[in-house]
Amino acid sequence: MDKSILITSSVLNADFGNLAADIRMINDSQADFIHLDIMDGMFVPNISFGFPVVEAISKIARKPMEAHLMIEQPDRYVERFAKAGCSWLSVHYEACPHLHRSLQLIKSCGMKSGIALNPHTPVSLLEDILDMADLVILMSVNPGFGGQKFIPATMGKIEKLRAMIDKAGLDTLIEIDGGVNKDNVASLLNAGADMVVAGSAVFKAENPVEYIRLMKEAR
């Protein structure tokens, strides 16, 4: 396969005492995006960071910022994420009772729209909304904490979603979030994924830039 995986590097596992240095590391790497995990302590059992951090990252970032909202009532904040410099914004299917409206709002603010699915949520539920999404994030761990192990059943979900996208003739990207590392990225690519979140595996590596390169070149 000639296609390279897209890498979105998550700052959730970065050193927040030296965040600027870690953002510059991502800038200097082969990562394609900077991934922002936004958690509210309600939708998921963790709190990450908010707009002051997003805005600080935006001043340093040279890669597009891709925000993943693991929060309740995300529509309240869509416009602020656009103003804070995000290019892509994903909301959870499980958190949006009016998902079509939420995706319309994201697009109206000039951002690419994404839908995130928890591990237990079947991809078949996206059939009537898939054409509104530029991106679908398949959670391959339970959302809320970095460093978890990849859930193997995700592989089947990737294949099903890839078939749905191809059948509909869409350009929607498939992103895999959770437990991704240099040893499984090739199998995700071959299953039909376009993009992976590089989180704890990268920031725990002795040489994060080199680790991202190895992921990027996986086939």
Protein backbone atom coordinates (compact mmCIF):
# COMPACT_ATOMS: atom_id res chain seq x y z
CA MET A 1 0.00 0.00 0.00
CA ASP A 2 1.42 3.36 -1.06
CA LYS A 3 -0.76 5.48 1.20
CA SER A 4 0.86 6.88 4.34
CA ILE A 5 -1.09 7.09 7.56
CA LEU A 6 -1.96 10.58 8.77
CA ILE A 7 -0.62 11.27 12.26
CA THR A 8 -2.44 13.50 14.73
CA SER A 9 -0.24 13.93 17.79
CA SER A 10 -2.14 14.21 21.07
CA VAL A 11 -0.88 16.64 23.70
CA LEU A 12 -2.78 14.87 26.50
CA ASN A 13 0.42 13.07 27.50
CA ALA A 14 2.69 16.06 26.95
CA ASP A 15 4.67 17.71 29.74
CA PHE A 16 2.37 20.58 30.69
CA GLY A 17 5.19 22.12 32.68
CA ASN A 18 7.06 22.51 29.41
CA LEU A 19 4.22 22.46 26.92
CA ALA A 20 5.76 24.90 24.46
CA ALA A 21 8.72 22.59 23.93
CA ASP A 22 6.46 19.63 23.23
CA ILE A 23 4.39 21.62 20.71
CA ARG A 24 7.59 22.66 18.95
CA MET A 25 8.60 18.99 18.89
CA ILE A 26 5.34 18.17 17.08
CA ASN A 27 5.98 21.09 14.71
CA ASP A 28 9.38 19.62 13.85
CA SER A 29 8.05 16.08 13.42
CA GLN A 30 6.23 14.39 10.53
CA ALA A 31 2.92 14.65 12.41
CA ASP A 32 0.12 16.09 10.28
CA PHE A 33 -2.09 17.50 13.06
CA ILE A 34 -2.07 18.46 16.73
CA HIS A 35 -4.81 16.54 18.58
CA LEU A 36 -6.57 18.25 21.48
CA ASP A 37 -8.46 15.99 23.90
CA ILE A 38 -11.08 18.15 25.61
CA MET A 39 -12.76 16.48 28.62
CA ASP A 40 -15.30 17.90 31.02
CA GLY A 41 -15.42 15.36 33.86
CA MET A 42 -19.05 14.61 32.97
CA PHE A 43 -19.13 12.81 29.63
CA VAL A 44 -15.88 11.10 30.61
CA PRO A 45 -14.43 10.60 34.13
CA ASN A 46 -11.55 12.99 33.60
CA ILE A 47 -10.87 16.71 33.10
CA SER A 48 -8.15 17.77 30.68
CA PHE A 49 -7.81 21.43 29.69
CA GLY A 50 -9.80 24.32 28.29
CA PHE A 51 -9.56 27.44 26.18
CA PRO A 52 -6.54 29.13 27.80
CA VAL A 53 -4.41 26.08 26.94
CA VAL A 54 -5.92 25.74 23.44
CA GLU A 55 -5.22 29.40 22.73
CA ALA A 56 -1.65 29.10 24.05
CA ILE A 57 -1.03 26.08 21.81
CA SER A 58 -2.48 27.95 18.82
CA LYS A 59 0.17 30.66 19.15
CA ILE A 60 2.96 28.08 18.76
CA ALA A 61 1.40 25.42 16.53
CA ARG A 62 2.46 25.14 12.91
CA LYS A 63 0.27 22.09 12.32
CA PRO A 64 -3.55 22.27 12.10
CA MET A 65 -5.27 21.79 15.45
CA GLU A 66 -7.84 18.99 15.62
CA ALA A 67 -10.07 19.08 18.70
CA HIS A 68 -11.92 16.02 20.03
CA LEU A 69 -14.68 17.11 22.40
CA MET A 70 -15.43 14.48 25.03
CA ILE A 71 -17.95 16.75 26.67
CA GLU A 72 -21.69 17.12 27.20
CA GLN A 73 -23.62 19.73 25.20
CA PRO A 74 -20.68 20.50 22.90
CA ASP A 75 -22.69 22.95 20.76
CA ARG A 76 -22.17 25.56 23.49
CA TYR A 77 -18.49 25.83 22.64
CA VAL A 78 -18.19 25.23 18.90
CA GLU A 79 -17.76 28.88 17.96
CA ARG A 80 -15.13 29.39 20.67
CA PHE A 81 -13.04 26.50 19.38
CA ALA A 82 -13.11 28.04 15.92
CA LYS A 83 -12.00 31.39 17.33
CA ALA A 84 -9.28 29.61 19.34
CA GLY A 85 -7.71 28.39 16.10
CA CYS A 86 -9.04 24.85 15.60
CA SER A 87 -9.38 23.64 12.01
CA TRP A 88 -11.16 20.36 12.79
CA LEU A 89 -13.74 19.69 15.50
CA SER A 90 -15.22 16.30 16.46
CA VAL A 91 -18.16 15.69 18.77
CA HIS A 92 -19.41 12.42 20.20
CA TYR A 93 -22.41 10.69 18.70
CA GLU A 94 -23.42 9.72 22.24
CA ALA A 95 -23.38 13.35 23.44
CA CYS A 96 -25.39 14.91 20.60
CA PRO A 97 -29.15 14.27 20.46
CA HIS A 98 -29.31 16.59 17.43
CA LEU A 99 -26.14 15.48 15.67
CA HIS A 100 -27.05 16.88 12.24
CA ARG A 101 -27.49 20.32 13.79
CA SER A 102 -24.17 20.00 15.64
CA LEU A 103 -22.29 19.13 12.44
CA GLN A 104 -23.98 21.99 10.59
CA LEU A 105 -22.84 24.36 13.35
CA ILE A 106 -19.24 23.14 13.12
CA LYS A 107 -19.21 23.65 9.34
CA SER A 108 -20.84 27.08 9.63
CA CYS A 109 -17.91 28.16 11.81
CA GLY A 110 -15.46 27.22 9.04
CA MET A 111 -14.16 23.98 10.54
CA LYS A 112 -14.09 20.40 9.30
CA SER A 113 -16.67 18.29 11.12
CA GLY A 114 -16.09 15.01 12.90
CA ILE A 115 -18.12 12.35 14.70
CA ALA A 116 -16.53 10.27 17.47
CA LEU A 117 -17.87 6.85 18.48
CA ASN A 118 -17.32 5.07 21.79
CA PRO A 119 -16.10 1.45 21.58
CA HIS A 120 -19.59 -0.01 22.13
CA THR A 121 -21.34 2.18 19.53
CA PRO A 122 -21.87 0.44 16.17
CA VAL A 123 -20.80 2.22 12.99
CA SER A 124 -24.13 1.31 11.37
CA LEU A 125 -25.73 4.17 13.34
CA LEU A 126 -23.88 6.61 11.08
CA GLU A 127 -25.60 5.52 7.89
CA ASP A 128 -27.93 8.54 7.69
CA ILE A 129 -25.40 11.15 8.83
CA LEU A 130 -22.11 9.99 7.31
CA ASP A 131 -22.29 12.47 4.42
CA MET A 132 -22.13 15.34 6.94
CA ALA A 133 -18.85 14.16 8.46
CA ASP A 134 -15.36 14.98 7.18
CA LEU A 135 -13.97 12.65 9.86
CA VAL A 136 -15.09 9.73 12.01
CA ILE A 137 -13.09 8.95 15.14
CA LEU A 138 -13.36 5.34 16.26
CA MET A 139 -12.40 5.12 19.91
CA SER A 140 -10.21 2.04 20.33
CA VAL A 141 -10.10 2.53 24.11
CA ASN A 142 -12.71 3.81 26.55
CA PRO A 143 -12.47 7.61 26.34
CA GLY A 144 -11.09 9.61 29.22
CA PHE A 145 -7.53 8.48 29.88
CA GLY A 146 -4.37 8.00 27.83
CA GLY A 147 -2.17 4.91 27.92
CA GLN A 148 -4.90 2.26 27.63
CA LYS A 149 -4.60 -0.94 25.60
CA PHE A 150 -6.10 -1.15 22.12
CA ILE A 151 -9.50 -2.89 21.93
CA PRO A 152 -9.16 -5.60 19.22
CA ALA A 153 -12.81 -5.41 18.14
CA THR A 154 -11.99 -2.01 16.64
CA MET A 155 -10.49 -3.76 13.61
CA GLY A 156 -13.90 -5.04 12.51
CA LYS A 157 -15.43 -1.59 13.00
CA ILE A 158 -12.76 -0.04 10.76
CA GLU A 159 -13.52 -2.51 7.98
CA LYS A 160 -17.29 -1.95 8.25
CA LEU A 161 -16.92 1.82 8.26
CA ARG A 162 -14.50 1.75 5.32
CA ALA A 163 -17.05 -0.26 3.32
CA MET A 164 -19.80 2.24 4.19
CA ILE A 165 -17.69 5.22 3.14
CA ASP A 166 -16.55 3.63 -0.10
CA LYS A 167 -20.07 2.48 -1.01
CA ALA A 168 -21.37 6.03 -0.52
CA GLY A 169 -18.49 7.52 -2.53
CA LEU A 170 -17.47 9.82 0.32
CA ASP A 171 -14.10 11.31 1.28
CA THR A 172 -14.72 10.95 5.02
CA LEU A 173 -11.55 10.08 6.93
CA ILE A 174 -11.36 7.31 9.53
CA GLU A 175 -9.31 8.16 12.61
CA ILE A 176 -8.34 5.65 15.31
CA ASP A 177 -7.89 6.96 18.84
CA GLY A 178 -6.42 4.88 21.64
CA GLY A 179 -3.66 2.33 22.12
CA VAL A 180 -2.02 3.06 18.77
CA ASN A 181 1.73 2.50 18.45
CA LYS A 182 4.36 1.70 15.82
CA ASP A 183 3.62 -2.02 16.10
CA ASN A 184 -0.09 -1.88 15.18
CA VAL A 185 -0.32 1.18 12.94
CA ALA A 186 0.30 -0.80 9.72
CA SER A 187 -2.57 -3.18 10.45
CA LEU A 188 -4.88 -0.22 11.09
CA LEU A 189 -3.88 1.34 7.78
CA ASN A 190 -4.46 -1.92 5.94
CA ALA A 191 -7.89 -2.32 7.57
CA GLY A 192 -8.94 1.02 6.11
CA ALA A 193 -7.93 3.70 8.61
CA ASP A 194 -6.65 7.02 7.28
CA MET A 195 -5.43 8.63 10.47
CA VAL A 196 -4.25 7.66 13.96
CA VAL A 197 -3.83 9.49 17.24
CA ALA A 198 -0.24 9.29 18.45
CA GLY A 199 -0.38 9.86 22.18
CA SER A 200 1.33 8.16 25.10
CA ALA A 201 3.48 5.93 22.85
CA VAL A 202 5.09 9.03 21.35
CA PHE A 203 5.63 11.01 24.54
CA LYS A 204 7.03 7.99 26.37
CA ALA A 205 9.49 7.30 23.55
CA GLU A 206 13.16 8.15 23.99
CA ASN A 207 13.05 10.06 20.71
CA PRO A 208 9.46 11.21 19.97
CA VAL A 209 10.30 12.70 16.55
CA GLU A 210 11.86 9.42 15.43
CA TYR A 211 8.93 7.46 16.84
CA ILE A 212 6.48 9.55 14.80
CA ARG A 213 8.64 8.94 11.72
CA LEU A 214 8.46 5.19 12.27
CA MET A 215 4.67 5.37 12.58
CA LYS A 216 4.40 7.55 9.49
CA GLU A 217 6.45 5.11 7.40
CA ALA A 218 4.62 1.97 8.55
CA ARG A 219 3.12 -0.08 5.72
